[in-house]
Amino acid sequence: MKLDGLQEKLGYRFKNEQLLIQSMTHPSYMVHAGNEESSNQRLEFLGDAVLELIISEFLYLRFPHLREGKLTQMRSSLVKGTVLVDLANKFKLSKYIRVNVRSKYDSPRELPSSQEDALEALIGAIFLDSDFPNAKEIVLEWFAGLTDRLSELNYDHNPKGRLQELLQPKVSNHQIRYEVVKETGPSHSRKFEVELIIDEQTYGKGIGKSKKEAEVAAAREVLGNFETLDLTDA
């Protein structure tokens, strides 16, 4: 099984290539041998735990003011489903997954669940082949667009609520308000301009076809600049 191309894509070269082969071995491949321990299921179990720890630490350090419930929600959105399948597709894992051609499935290597499992097994294999710091470095390189993904999954879902969560440790709710500063256009096509004011200082502006839309735009603007936001006078 030629795996040089895969190792090149992963950015990691295995010392023990058997671990890589095992990570790419679908359970169906081992059915005729009756040896499930040689499939990628055990590595998937390990890789799932390693991935959760890596992402948990990243979120804990990246968002120091978020509560446990929100961190859990964000982690769940990153370590399962489409995020992992997208990564698997990026590495073209389906090309390397070993399956039993007599499987009852038409093409088990193409199933999203098979690709997700293989990716988690890969993480487990890298962890065993090296150590946690190396596995962490590799995985975070794979998730290079992690901040953008979090923005897509969380900031745009509820910008006002998200901003309020981040501001809670710094200012009280009564110090935050949205104020309409301008209305333009005819009655059937109004435009609203809103300022986001924190402790009597303007930190963001938004324009929309309704007050709510303008408030959301203002919150999104502040979120985009939150890391450089100076609230020392608030």
Foldseek 3Di string as FASTA:
>chain_A
DDCPLLCVLLVHDFPDCLLLLQLQEDQQLCVVVPDSVSHLQVLLVQLLVLLLVLLLVVLCVVQVQADPVVSVVLSVVCLDDPNQLVLLVSSVSLVRRDHDPPDPDPRVSPDSVSSSSSSSSVLSSVCVRPHSVVSSVSVCVSCVVVVVVSCVVPCVVQLVVVLCSSCVVPAPPVQWDKDWDDWDDDPVAIKTKIFIGGNNHTDFIAIDSDSVRGVSRRSSVCVVCVVVDDPVVD
